[in-house]
Amino acid sequence: MKHILPILLTLILCGFAQAQDRIKVSASYLNTEFQANPVENLEYLKGFSIDADGRIIGGNGWRLGGIFNYQKVYDQKVFKNYFNGHSMVDVFRNVNTYSFGAQLSKTIGPVEPFAAFLIGVKRIHEDQKFHYDVVRKYRFGADLVFHKESYFFIRPFFVEFERGHILADYMCTNNTFVFLDGTTQKYGAGIGFRF
């Protein structure tokens, strides 16, 4: 009985070794402003993104994976034309987004271009009655694997278009409308491991 656990662990590890690329985990930085100088891109860092991608099916270089994504974006515009008692201002907050979806990729030599569609929720603002916004994400990019058996990959770039609802909420307390900012374009790069 005491030998069953080591045998099971060995079988699981052998399965992962034979079917590498079952799970891909990556961490990326996010930005919303493009700067020509890479150092400036890091200075204006807007957030980070963590992906966990499990292969559903694959063959002939194609791979369809189910993906979970967590993002934290700093100073994202969440309201346009918010009345603060004196004037109309834009409101910026740190925003967490949780999303699930599918990612399709194709291996072409060392490059693996991909496209993904995700649906999720993001926390908009703690002080309003609508705490969460449903978002759709469209993502395109590429991963670069050094050799076929490598566990390590680089994501030199990806772009993402996040679309939330553009909501108008009437604020009875000050007789004004508040508009949620509905679209965000992001880009980033990162590193990851595949098992």
N, C-alpha and C. Protein backbone atom coordinates (compact mmCIF):
# COMPACT_ATOMS: atom_id res chain seq x y z
N MET A 1 0.82 -1.20 0.00
CA MET A 1 0.00 0.00 0.00
C MET A 1 0.87 1.27 0.00
N LYS A 2 2.00 1.22 0.75
CA LYS A 2 2.85 2.41 0.82
C LYS A 2 3.59 2.69 -0.48
N HIS A 3 3.62 1.72 -1.41
CA HIS A 3 4.31 1.90 -2.68
C HIS A 3 3.38 2.45 -3.77
N ILE A 4 2.09 2.51 -3.50
CA ILE A 4 1.13 2.96 -4.52
C ILE A 4 1.34 4.44 -4.85
N LEU A 5 1.52 5.27 -3.85
CA LEU A 5 1.69 6.72 -4.10
C LEU A 5 2.93 7.01 -4.95
N PRO A 6 4.10 6.45 -4.65
CA PRO A 6 5.26 6.71 -5.54
C PRO A 6 5.05 6.19 -6.95
N ILE A 7 4.36 5.05 -7.09
CA ILE A 7 4.11 4.51 -8.44
C ILE A 7 3.18 5.44 -9.20
N LEU A 8 2.11 5.92 -8.53
CA LEU A 8 1.19 6.85 -9.19
C LEU A 8 1.89 8.14 -9.59
N LEU A 9 2.72 8.68 -8.71
CA LEU A 9 3.45 9.90 -9.04
C LEU A 9 4.40 9.68 -10.21
N THR A 10 5.05 8.54 -10.27
CA THR A 10 5.93 8.23 -11.39
C THR A 10 5.16 8.14 -12.69
N LEU A 11 4.00 7.48 -12.67
CA LEU A 11 3.17 7.38 -13.87
C LEU A 11 2.69 8.75 -14.34
N ILE A 12 2.29 9.59 -13.40
CA ILE A 12 1.82 10.94 -13.76
C ILE A 12 2.96 11.73 -14.38
N LEU A 13 4.15 11.70 -13.77
CA LEU A 13 5.29 12.43 -14.32
C LEU A 13 5.69 11.91 -15.68
N CYS A 14 5.63 10.59 -15.88
CA CYS A 14 5.93 10.01 -17.21
C CYS A 14 4.91 10.47 -18.23
N GLY A 15 3.65 10.54 -17.81
CA GLY A 15 2.61 11.03 -18.72
C GLY A 15 2.85 12.46 -19.12
N PHE A 16 3.27 13.29 -18.17
CA PHE A 16 3.57 14.69 -18.50
C PHE A 16 4.79 14.78 -19.40
N ALA A 17 5.79 13.94 -19.17
CA ALA A 17 6.99 13.98 -20.00
C ALA A 17 6.68 13.57 -21.43
N GLN A 18 5.80 12.57 -21.61
CA GLN A 18 5.47 12.12 -22.96
C GLN A 18 4.54 13.09 -23.66
N ALA A 19 3.66 13.70 -22.92
CA ALA A 19 2.67 14.59 -23.53
C ALA A 19 2.94 16.02 -23.08
N GLN A 20 4.15 16.47 -23.31
CA GLN A 20 4.52 17.82 -22.95
C GLN A 20 3.59 18.80 -23.67
N ASP A 21 3.36 19.90 -23.08
CA ASP A 21 2.47 20.91 -23.66
C ASP A 21 1.02 20.65 -23.26
N ARG A 22 0.79 19.79 -22.26
CA ARG A 22 -0.57 19.62 -21.75
C ARG A 22 -1.01 20.88 -21.00
N ILE A 23 -0.11 21.41 -20.22
CA ILE A 23 -0.41 22.60 -19.42
C ILE A 23 0.65 23.65 -19.70
N LYS A 24 0.20 24.88 -19.97
CA LYS A 24 1.12 26.01 -20.15
C LYS A 24 0.76 27.07 -19.11
N VAL A 25 1.76 27.53 -18.41
CA VAL A 25 1.57 28.59 -17.40
C VAL A 25 2.50 29.73 -17.77
N SER A 26 1.95 30.94 -17.82
CA SER A 26 2.79 32.09 -18.20
C SER A 26 2.45 33.30 -17.35
N ALA A 27 3.42 34.18 -17.24
CA ALA A 27 3.26 35.47 -16.56
C ALA A 27 3.75 36.55 -17.52
N SER A 28 2.97 37.61 -17.64
CA SER A 28 3.29 38.68 -18.59
C SER A 28 3.08 40.04 -17.95
N TYR A 29 3.78 41.03 -18.49
CA TYR A 29 3.49 42.39 -18.09
C TYR A 29 2.46 42.94 -19.08
N LEU A 30 1.70 43.93 -18.64
CA LEU A 30 0.68 44.56 -19.48
C LEU A 30 0.96 46.04 -19.60
N ASN A 31 0.60 46.59 -20.73
CA ASN A 31 0.71 48.02 -20.94
C ASN A 31 -0.43 48.47 -21.84
N THR A 32 -0.75 49.73 -21.75
CA THR A 32 -1.80 50.28 -22.61
C THR A 32 -1.28 51.42 -23.46
N GLU A 33 -0.02 51.80 -23.27
CA GLU A 33 0.59 52.86 -24.07
C GLU A 33 1.85 52.32 -24.72
N PHE A 34 1.99 52.50 -26.01
CA PHE A 34 3.18 51.99 -26.70
C PHE A 34 4.26 53.06 -26.71
N GLN A 35 5.43 52.68 -26.23
CA GLN A 35 6.60 53.55 -26.26
C GLN A 35 7.66 52.86 -27.11
N ALA A 36 8.37 53.61 -27.93
CA ALA A 36 9.39 53.03 -28.81
C ALA A 36 10.56 52.47 -28.01
N ASN A 37 10.87 53.08 -26.87
CA ASN A 37 11.98 52.65 -26.03
C ASN A 37 11.49 51.58 -25.04
N PRO A 38 12.07 50.36 -25.06
CA PRO A 38 11.61 49.31 -24.13
C PRO A 38 11.74 49.69 -22.66
N VAL A 39 12.73 50.52 -22.33
CA VAL A 39 12.89 50.95 -20.93
C VAL A 39 11.69 51.80 -20.51
N GLU A 40 11.21 52.66 -21.42
CA GLU A 40 10.03 53.46 -21.11
C GLU A 40 8.80 52.58 -20.95
N ASN A 41 8.71 51.50 -21.73
CA ASN A 41 7.59 50.58 -21.57
C ASN A 41 7.54 50.02 -20.16
N LEU A 42 8.70 49.66 -19.62
CA LEU A 42 8.74 49.13 -18.26
C LEU A 42 8.44 50.22 -17.24
N GLU A 43 8.85 51.46 -17.52
CA GLU A 43 8.57 52.56 -16.61
C GLU A 43 7.07 52.82 -16.51
N TYR A 44 6.35 52.66 -17.63
CA TYR A 44 4.92 52.92 -17.65
C TYR A 44 4.11 51.64 -17.54
N LEU A 45 4.65 50.67 -16.80
CA LEU A 45 3.98 49.40 -16.60
C LEU A 45 2.57 49.62 -16.07
N LYS A 46 1.60 48.98 -16.69
CA LYS A 46 0.21 49.14 -16.29
C LYS A 46 -0.33 47.96 -15.51
N GLY A 47 0.36 46.84 -15.52
CA GLY A 47 -0.15 45.71 -14.77
C GLY A 47 0.52 44.41 -15.16
N PHE A 48 -0.09 43.31 -14.73
CA PHE A 48 0.45 41.99 -15.06
C PHE A 48 -0.69 41.03 -15.35
N SER A 49 -0.34 39.94 -16.02
CA SER A 49 -1.30 38.94 -16.43
C SER A 49 -0.73 37.56 -16.16
N ILE A 50 -1.55 36.65 -15.64
CA ILE A 50 -1.14 35.28 -15.39
C ILE A 50 -2.12 34.36 -16.11
N ASP A 51 -1.59 33.44 -16.91
CA ASP A 51 -2.40 32.50 -17.68
C ASP A 51 -2.11 31.07 -17.26
N ALA A 52 -3.16 30.25 -17.22
CA ALA A 52 -3.04 28.80 -17.08
C ALA A 52 -3.85 28.20 -18.22
N ASP A 53 -3.18 27.46 -19.09
CA ASP A 53 -3.79 26.95 -20.33
C ASP A 53 -3.64 25.44 -20.36
N GLY A 54 -4.76 24.71 -20.29
CA GLY A 54 -4.75 23.26 -20.34
C GLY A 54 -5.21 22.76 -21.70
N ARG A 55 -4.42 21.88 -22.30
CA ARG A 55 -4.76 21.38 -23.63
C ARG A 55 -6.03 20.53 -23.57
N ILE A 56 -6.97 20.82 -24.48
CA ILE A 56 -8.19 20.03 -24.61
C ILE A 56 -7.98 18.97 -25.70
N ILE A 57 -7.59 19.43 -26.89
CA ILE A 57 -7.27 18.52 -27.98
C ILE A 57 -6.08 19.08 -28.75
N GLY A 58 -5.41 18.22 -29.50
CA GLY A 58 -4.29 18.68 -30.30
C GLY A 58 -3.84 17.61 -31.27
N GLY A 59 -3.18 18.05 -32.33
CA GLY A 59 -2.63 17.14 -33.32
C GLY A 59 -2.19 17.90 -34.54
N ASN A 60 -1.16 17.38 -35.23
CA ASN A 60 -0.62 18.01 -36.44
C ASN A 60 -0.20 19.46 -36.22
N GLY A 61 0.32 19.76 -35.04
CA GLY A 61 0.77 21.11 -34.74
C GLY A 61 -0.30 22.03 -34.20
N TRP A 62 -1.56 21.62 -34.27
CA TRP A 62 -2.66 22.44 -33.74
C TRP A 62 -2.89 22.10 -32.27
N ARG A 63 -3.34 23.09 -31.53
CA ARG A 63 -3.63 22.89 -30.11
C ARG A 63 -4.79 23.77 -29.71
N LEU A 64 -5.81 23.16 -29.11
CA LEU A 64 -6.93 23.90 -28.54
C LEU A 64 -6.87 23.74 -27.04
N GLY A 65 -6.80 24.85 -26.34
CA GLY A 65 -6.68 24.80 -24.90
C GLY A 65 -7.77 25.61 -24.21
N GLY A 66 -8.11 25.16 -23.02
CA GLY A 66 -8.99 25.94 -22.14
C GLY A 66 -8.11 26.81 -21.28
N ILE A 67 -8.42 28.09 -21.20
CA ILE A 67 -7.52 29.04 -20.56
C ILE A 67 -8.21 29.80 -19.43
N PHE A 68 -7.48 29.97 -18.32
CA PHE A 68 -7.90 30.84 -17.23
C PHE A 68 -6.91 32.00 -17.19
N ASN A 69 -7.41 33.22 -17.03
CA ASN A 69 -6.56 34.40 -17.02
C ASN A 69 -6.91 35.29 -15.84
N TYR A 70 -5.89 35.71 -15.11
CA TYR A 70 -6.05 36.73 -14.06
C TYR A 70 -5.20 37.93 -14.45
N GLN A 71 -5.79 39.11 -14.37
CA GLN A 71 -5.05 40.34 -14.66
C GLN A 71 -5.28 41.37 -13.57
N LYS A 72 -4.25 42.12 -13.29
CA LYS A 72 -4.36 43.29 -12.43
C LYS A 72 -3.82 44.46 -13.23
N VAL A 73 -4.65 45.46 -13.43
CA VAL A 73 -4.26 46.65 -14.19
C VAL A 73 -4.31 47.83 -13.23
N TYR A 74 -3.23 48.62 -13.23
CA TYR A 74 -3.12 49.77 -12.35
C TYR A 74 -3.61 51.02 -13.06
N ASP A 75 -4.31 51.85 -12.36
CA ASP A 75 -4.78 53.15 -12.87
C ASP A 75 -5.54 53.02 -14.19
N GLN A 76 -6.50 52.11 -14.24
CA GLN A 76 -7.35 51.98 -15.43
C GLN A 76 -8.54 52.92 -15.30
N LYS A 77 -8.91 53.55 -16.41
CA LYS A 77 -10.06 54.44 -16.40
C LYS A 77 -11.32 53.59 -16.28
N VAL A 78 -12.08 53.77 -15.18
CA VAL A 78 -13.29 52.98 -14.98
C VAL A 78 -14.56 53.80 -15.18
N PHE A 79 -14.48 55.12 -15.02
CA PHE A 79 -15.63 55.98 -15.26
C PHE A 79 -15.21 57.18 -16.09
N LYS A 80 -16.08 57.55 -17.02
CA LYS A 80 -15.91 58.80 -17.75
C LYS A 80 -16.98 59.76 -17.25
N ASN A 81 -16.63 61.01 -17.15
CA ASN A 81 -17.57 62.07 -16.79
C ASN A 81 -18.28 61.80 -15.46
N TYR A 82 -17.52 61.46 -14.45
CA TYR A 82 -18.04 61.23 -13.10
C TYR A 82 -18.15 62.58 -12.39
N PHE A 83 -19.31 62.88 -11.84
CA PHE A 83 -19.50 64.16 -11.14
C PHE A 83 -19.03 64.00 -9.70
N ASN A 84 -17.99 64.72 -9.32
CA ASN A 84 -17.43 64.58 -7.98
C ASN A 84 -17.93 65.64 -7.01
N GLY A 85 -19.00 66.34 -7.37
CA GLY A 85 -19.55 67.39 -6.52
C GLY A 85 -19.23 68.77 -7.03
N HIS A 86 -18.16 68.91 -7.82
CA HIS A 86 -17.76 70.21 -8.34
C HIS A 86 -17.67 70.20 -9.87
N SER A 87 -17.18 69.12 -10.43
CA SER A 87 -16.97 69.08 -11.88
C SER A 87 -17.04 67.63 -12.36
N MET A 88 -17.00 67.47 -13.68
CA MET A 88 -17.00 66.14 -14.28
C MET A 88 -15.55 65.70 -14.45
N VAL A 89 -15.21 64.52 -13.94
CA VAL A 89 -13.85 64.01 -14.02
C VAL A 89 -13.87 62.54 -14.45
N ASP A 90 -12.72 62.06 -14.94
CA ASP A 90 -12.55 60.63 -15.19
C ASP A 90 -12.01 60.00 -13.92
N VAL A 91 -12.47 58.78 -13.63
CA VAL A 91 -12.05 58.08 -12.41
C VAL A 91 -11.16 56.90 -12.80
N PHE A 92 -10.00 56.81 -12.17
CA PHE A 92 -9.04 55.74 -12.43
C PHE A 92 -8.90 54.89 -11.17
N ARG A 93 -8.89 53.57 -11.34
CA ARG A 93 -8.76 52.64 -10.23
C ARG A 93 -7.91 51.45 -10.65
N ASN A 94 -7.36 50.72 -9.67
CA ASN A 94 -6.75 49.43 -9.94
C ASN A 94 -7.86 48.42 -10.14
N VAL A 95 -7.76 47.60 -11.20
CA VAL A 95 -8.85 46.70 -11.58
C VAL A 95 -8.33 45.27 -11.68
N ASN A 96 -9.05 44.33 -11.04
CA ASN A 96 -8.77 42.91 -11.16
C ASN A 96 -9.76 42.28 -12.12
N THR A 97 -9.27 41.44 -13.04
CA THR A 97 -10.13 40.76 -14.01
C THR A 97 -9.86 39.26 -13.95
N TYR A 98 -10.93 38.48 -13.91
CA TYR A 98 -10.87 37.02 -13.92
C TYR A 98 -11.63 36.55 -15.15
N SER A 99 -11.01 35.75 -16.01
CA SER A 99 -11.70 35.32 -17.22
C SER A 99 -11.32 33.90 -17.61
N PHE A 100 -12.23 33.26 -18.36
CA PHE A 100 -12.07 31.90 -18.86
C PHE A 100 -12.36 31.91 -20.34
N GLY A 101 -11.77 30.97 -21.08
CA GLY A 101 -12.06 30.90 -22.50
C GLY A 101 -11.28 29.80 -23.19
N ALA A 102 -11.11 29.97 -24.49
CA ALA A 102 -10.41 28.99 -25.32
C ALA A 102 -9.31 29.68 -26.11
N GLN A 103 -8.22 28.94 -26.32
CA GLN A 103 -7.09 29.46 -27.08
C GLN A 103 -6.69 28.43 -28.14
N LEU A 104 -6.62 28.88 -29.38
CA LEU A 104 -6.22 28.02 -30.50
C LEU A 104 -4.83 28.44 -30.95
N SER A 105 -3.93 27.48 -31.10
CA SER A 105 -2.57 27.80 -31.53
C SER A 105 -2.10 26.78 -32.55
N LYS A 106 -1.07 27.16 -33.30
CA LYS A 106 -0.49 26.30 -34.34
C LYS A 106 1.02 26.41 -34.24
N THR A 107 1.69 25.27 -34.13
CA THR A 107 3.15 25.25 -34.06
C THR A 107 3.73 25.31 -35.47
N ILE A 108 4.54 26.33 -35.73
CA ILE A 108 5.21 26.50 -37.01
C ILE A 108 6.70 26.67 -36.70
N GLY A 109 7.43 25.55 -36.70
CA GLY A 109 8.83 25.60 -36.29
C GLY A 109 8.92 25.97 -34.82
N PRO A 110 9.76 26.96 -34.47
CA PRO A 110 9.87 27.35 -33.07
C PRO A 110 8.79 28.35 -32.63
N VAL A 111 7.97 28.81 -33.57
CA VAL A 111 6.97 29.84 -33.27
C VAL A 111 5.59 29.19 -33.15
N GLU A 112 4.82 29.65 -32.17
CA GLU A 112 3.47 29.15 -31.97
C GLU A 112 2.50 30.34 -31.87
N PRO A 113 1.98 30.81 -33.02
CA PRO A 113 1.00 31.89 -32.97
C PRO A 113 -0.31 31.39 -32.36
N PHE A 114 -1.03 32.30 -31.69
CA PHE A 114 -2.27 31.89 -31.04
C PHE A 114 -3.31 33.01 -31.12
N ALA A 115 -4.55 32.58 -30.95
CA ALA A 115 -5.69 33.49 -30.84
C ALA A 115 -6.58 32.95 -29.73
N ALA A 116 -7.14 33.84 -28.93
CA ALA A 116 -7.95 33.40 -27.80
C ALA A 116 -9.19 34.29 -27.67
N PHE A 117 -10.23 33.68 -27.14
CA PHE A 117 -11.46 34.40 -26.79
C PHE A 117 -11.79 34.05 -25.35
N LEU A 118 -12.00 35.07 -24.52
CA LEU A 118 -12.28 34.85 -23.11
C LEU A 118 -13.48 35.68 -22.67
N ILE A 119 -14.18 35.16 -21.67
CA ILE A 119 -15.28 35.88 -21.04
C ILE A 119 -14.99 35.90 -19.55
N GLY A 120 -15.21 37.04 -18.91
CA GLY A 120 -14.93 37.11 -17.49
C GLY A 120 -15.61 38.28 -16.82
N VAL A 121 -15.15 38.58 -15.63
CA VAL A 121 -15.68 39.69 -14.85
C VAL A 121 -14.52 40.52 -14.33
N LYS A 122 -14.78 41.81 -14.18
CA LYS A 122 -13.79 42.67 -13.55
C LYS A 122 -14.48 43.52 -12.50
N ARG A 123 -13.74 43.77 -11.45
CA ARG A 123 -14.23 44.59 -10.35
C ARG A 123 -14.09 46.04 -10.78
N ILE A 124 -15.22 46.76 -10.86
CA ILE A 124 -15.20 48.13 -11.36
C ILE A 124 -14.88 49.13 -10.26
N HIS A 125 -15.73 49.20 -9.26
CA HIS A 125 -15.60 50.25 -8.27
C HIS A 125 -16.35 49.82 -7.02
N GLU A 126 -15.75 49.96 -5.87
CA GLU A 126 -16.36 49.49 -4.64
C GLU A 126 -17.54 50.35 -4.19
N ASP A 127 -17.59 51.60 -4.60
CA ASP A 127 -18.58 52.54 -4.07
C ASP A 127 -19.89 52.56 -4.84
N GLN A 128 -19.98 51.84 -5.94
CA GLN A 128 -21.19 51.89 -6.77
C GLN A 128 -21.99 50.62 -6.63
N LYS A 129 -23.26 50.67 -7.02
CA LYS A 129 -24.12 49.50 -6.87
C LYS A 129 -23.76 48.40 -7.87
N PHE A 130 -23.12 48.73 -9.02
CA PHE A 130 -22.68 47.71 -9.96
C PHE A 130 -21.21 47.42 -9.67
N HIS A 131 -20.98 46.35 -8.94
CA HIS A 131 -19.62 46.04 -8.49
C HIS A 131 -18.80 45.35 -9.56
N TYR A 132 -19.42 44.57 -10.43
CA TYR A 132 -18.68 43.80 -11.43
C TYR A 132 -19.20 44.12 -12.82
N ASP A 133 -18.31 44.05 -13.77
CA ASP A 133 -18.68 44.24 -15.18
C ASP A 133 -18.28 42.97 -15.93
N VAL A 134 -19.15 42.47 -16.77
CA VAL A 134 -18.84 41.32 -17.62
C VAL A 134 -18.02 41.82 -18.81
N VAL A 135 -16.91 41.13 -19.11
CA VAL A 135 -16.03 41.56 -20.19
C VAL A 135 -15.81 40.42 -21.17
N ARG A 136 -15.53 40.79 -22.41
CA ARG A 136 -15.11 39.86 -23.46
C ARG A 136 -13.70 40.28 -23.86
N LYS A 137 -12.83 39.29 -24.07
CA LYS A 137 -11.45 39.57 -24.46
C LYS A 137 -11.12 38.82 -25.75
N TYR A 138 -10.45 39.52 -26.64
CA TYR A 138 -9.93 38.93 -27.87
C TYR A 138 -8.43 39.13 -27.82
N ARG A 139 -7.68 38.03 -27.92
CA ARG A 139 -6.23 38.10 -27.74
C ARG A 139 -5.54 37.42 -28.91
N PHE A 140 -4.43 38.05 -29.37
CA PHE A 140 -3.62 37.50 -30.46
C PHE A 140 -2.16 37.65 -30.06
N GLY A 141 -1.34 36.67 -30.42
CA GLY A 141 0.08 36.76 -30.09
C GLY A 141 0.84 35.56 -30.58
N ALA A 142 2.02 35.37 -30.01
CA ALA A 142 2.87 34.23 -30.39
C ALA A 142 3.75 33.85 -29.22
N ASP A 143 4.04 32.55 -29.14
CA ASP A 143 5.00 32.02 -28.19
C ASP A 143 6.20 31.51 -28.98
N LEU A 144 7.37 31.61 -28.37
CA LEU A 144 8.60 31.17 -29.00
C LEU A 144 9.23 30.10 -28.12
N VAL A 145 9.32 28.86 -28.66
CA VAL A 145 9.88 27.73 -27.93
C VAL A 145 11.27 27.46 -28.51
N PHE A 146 12.27 27.29 -27.65
CA PHE A 146 13.65 27.15 -28.12
C PHE A 146 13.90 25.83 -28.84
N HIS A 147 13.37 24.73 -28.34
CA HIS A 147 13.43 23.46 -29.07
C HIS A 147 12.25 22.60 -28.63
N LYS A 148 11.99 21.55 -29.36
CA LYS A 148 10.77 20.77 -29.20
C LYS A 148 10.58 20.23 -27.79
N GLU A 149 11.64 19.84 -27.11
CA GLU A 149 11.53 19.26 -25.77
C GLU A 149 11.66 20.30 -24.66
N SER A 150 11.76 21.56 -25.02
CA SER A 150 11.96 22.60 -24.01
C SER A 150 10.70 22.82 -23.19
N TYR A 151 10.88 22.99 -21.89
CA TYR A 151 9.77 23.32 -20.99
C TYR A 151 9.53 24.82 -20.91
N PHE A 152 10.48 25.59 -21.40
CA PHE A 152 10.46 27.05 -21.26
C PHE A 152 10.05 27.69 -22.58
N PHE A 153 9.24 28.74 -22.51
CA PHE A 153 8.91 29.50 -23.72
C PHE A 153 8.86 30.98 -23.39
N ILE A 154 9.05 31.78 -24.42
CA ILE A 154 8.96 33.24 -24.31
C ILE A 154 7.74 33.68 -25.10
N ARG A 155 7.00 34.61 -24.55
CA ARG A 155 5.89 35.25 -25.26
C ARG A 155 6.36 36.65 -25.61
N PRO A 156 6.98 36.82 -26.81
CA PRO A 156 7.59 38.11 -27.13
C PRO A 156 6.57 39.23 -27.29
N PHE A 157 5.32 38.88 -27.62
CA PHE A 157 4.29 39.92 -27.71
C PHE A 157 2.91 39.27 -27.72
N PHE A 158 1.94 40.02 -27.29
CA PHE A 158 0.54 39.71 -27.51
C PHE A 158 -0.24 41.02 -27.42
N VAL A 159 -1.36 41.06 -28.10
CA VAL A 159 -2.27 42.20 -28.01
C VAL A 159 -3.61 41.67 -27.56
N GLU A 160 -4.31 42.51 -26.84
CA GLU A 160 -5.59 42.10 -26.28
C GLU A 160 -6.58 43.25 -26.36
N PHE A 161 -7.79 42.94 -26.79
CA PHE A 161 -8.87 43.92 -26.83
C PHE A 161 -9.92 43.46 -25.84
N GLU A 162 -10.13 44.26 -24.81
CA GLU A 162 -11.10 43.93 -23.78
C GLU A 162 -12.32 44.83 -23.93
N ARG A 163 -13.46 44.21 -24.05
CA ARG A 163 -14.69 44.97 -24.26
C ARG A 163 -15.65 44.68 -23.11
N GLY A 164 -15.99 45.71 -22.36
CA GLY A 164 -16.99 45.59 -21.30
C GLY A 164 -18.26 46.28 -21.74
N HIS A 165 -19.20 46.32 -20.85
CA HIS A 165 -20.44 47.00 -21.16
C HIS A 165 -20.24 48.50 -20.96
N ILE A 166 -20.78 49.28 -21.87
CA ILE A 166 -20.79 50.73 -21.65
C ILE A 166 -22.12 51.03 -20.98
N LEU A 167 -22.05 51.25 -19.69
CA LEU A 167 -23.26 51.45 -18.90
C LEU A 167 -23.41 52.91 -18.53
N ALA A 168 -24.63 53.36 -18.52
CA ALA A 168 -24.92 54.69 -18.02
C ALA A 168 -25.78 54.51 -16.79
N ASP A 169 -25.36 55.03 -15.67
CA ASP A 169 -26.10 54.90 -14.43
C ASP A 169 -26.48 56.28 -13.92
N TYR A 170 -27.74 56.45 -13.62
CA TYR A 170 -28.21 57.73 -13.13
C TYR A 170 -27.96 57.80 -11.64
N MET A 171 -27.22 58.79 -11.22
CA MET A 171 -26.90 58.96 -9.81
C MET A 171 -27.95 59.89 -9.20
N CYS A 172 -28.86 59.32 -8.43
CA CYS A 172 -29.95 60.11 -7.85
C CYS A 172 -29.43 61.14 -6.85
N THR A 173 -28.31 60.84 -6.22
CA THR A 173 -27.81 61.74 -5.18
C THR A 173 -27.38 63.08 -5.74
N ASN A 174 -26.86 63.11 -6.98
CA ASN A 174 -26.43 64.39 -7.53
C ASN A 174 -26.99 64.64 -8.92
N ASN A 175 -28.02 63.89 -9.35
CA ASN A 175 -28.72 64.11 -10.61
C ASN A 175 -27.79 64.14 -11.82
N THR A 176 -26.90 63.16 -11.91
CA THR A 176 -25.99 63.09 -13.05
C THR A 176 -25.93 61.66 -13.56
N PHE A 177 -25.39 61.50 -14.76
CA PHE A 177 -25.14 60.18 -15.32
C PHE A 177 -23.67 59.84 -15.16
N VAL A 178 -23.39 58.58 -14.88
CA VAL A 178 -22.02 58.08 -14.80
C VAL A 178 -21.85 57.06 -15.92
N PHE A 179 -20.79 57.18 -16.71
CA PHE A 179 -20.55 56.28 -17.82
C PHE A 179 -19.34 55.40 -17.54
N LEU A 180 -19.54 54.09 -17.60
CA LEU A 180 -18.41 53.18 -17.48
C LEU A 180 -17.62 53.20 -18.78
N ASP A 181 -16.31 53.17 -18.66
CA ASP A 181 -15.47 53.11 -19.85
C ASP A 181 -15.42 51.66 -20.33
N GLY A 182 -15.86 51.39 -21.56
CA GLY A 182 -16.12 50.03 -21.99
C GLY A 182 -15.01 49.29 -22.68
N THR A 183 -14.03 49.95 -23.29
CA THR A 183 -13.03 49.25 -24.10
C THR A 183 -11.62 49.57 -23.62
N THR A 184 -10.79 48.52 -23.58
CA THR A 184 -9.38 48.70 -23.24
C THR A 184 -8.54 47.90 -24.22
N GLN A 185 -7.53 48.52 -24.78
CA GLN A 185 -6.55 47.83 -25.63
C GLN A 185 -5.28 47.66 -24.81
N LYS A 186 -4.79 46.43 -24.78
CA LYS A 186 -3.59 46.14 -24.00
C LYS A 186 -2.59 45.41 -24.89
N TYR A 187 -1.35 45.46 -24.50
CA TYR A 187 -0.34 44.62 -25.13
C TYR A 187 0.65 44.23 -24.05
N GLY A 188 1.42 43.19 -24.33
CA GLY A 188 2.36 42.75 -23.32
C GLY A 188 3.31 41.72 -23.86
N ALA A 189 4.16 41.22 -22.95
CA ALA A 189 5.13 40.17 -23.25
C ALA A 189 5.39 39.43 -21.95
N GLY A 190 5.84 38.18 -22.08
CA GLY A 190 6.08 37.43 -20.88
C GLY A 190 6.89 36.18 -21.11
N ILE A 191 6.91 35.34 -20.08
CA ILE A 191 7.62 34.07 -20.12
C ILE A 191 6.70 33.00 -19.55
N GLY A 192 7.02 31.74 -19.85
CA GLY A 192 6.18 30.68 -19.32
C GLY A 192 6.85 29.32 -19.36
N PHE A 193 6.14 28.35 -18.80
CA PHE A 193 6.59 26.96 -18.78
C PHE A 193 5.46 26.08 -19.27
N ARG A 194 5.83 24.99 -19.91
CA ARG A 194 4.85 24.01 -20.35
C ARG A 194 5.23 22.65 -19.79
N PHE A 195 4.23 21.91 -19.38
CA PHE A 195 4.47 20.62 -18.72
C PHE A 195 3.78 19.51 -19.48
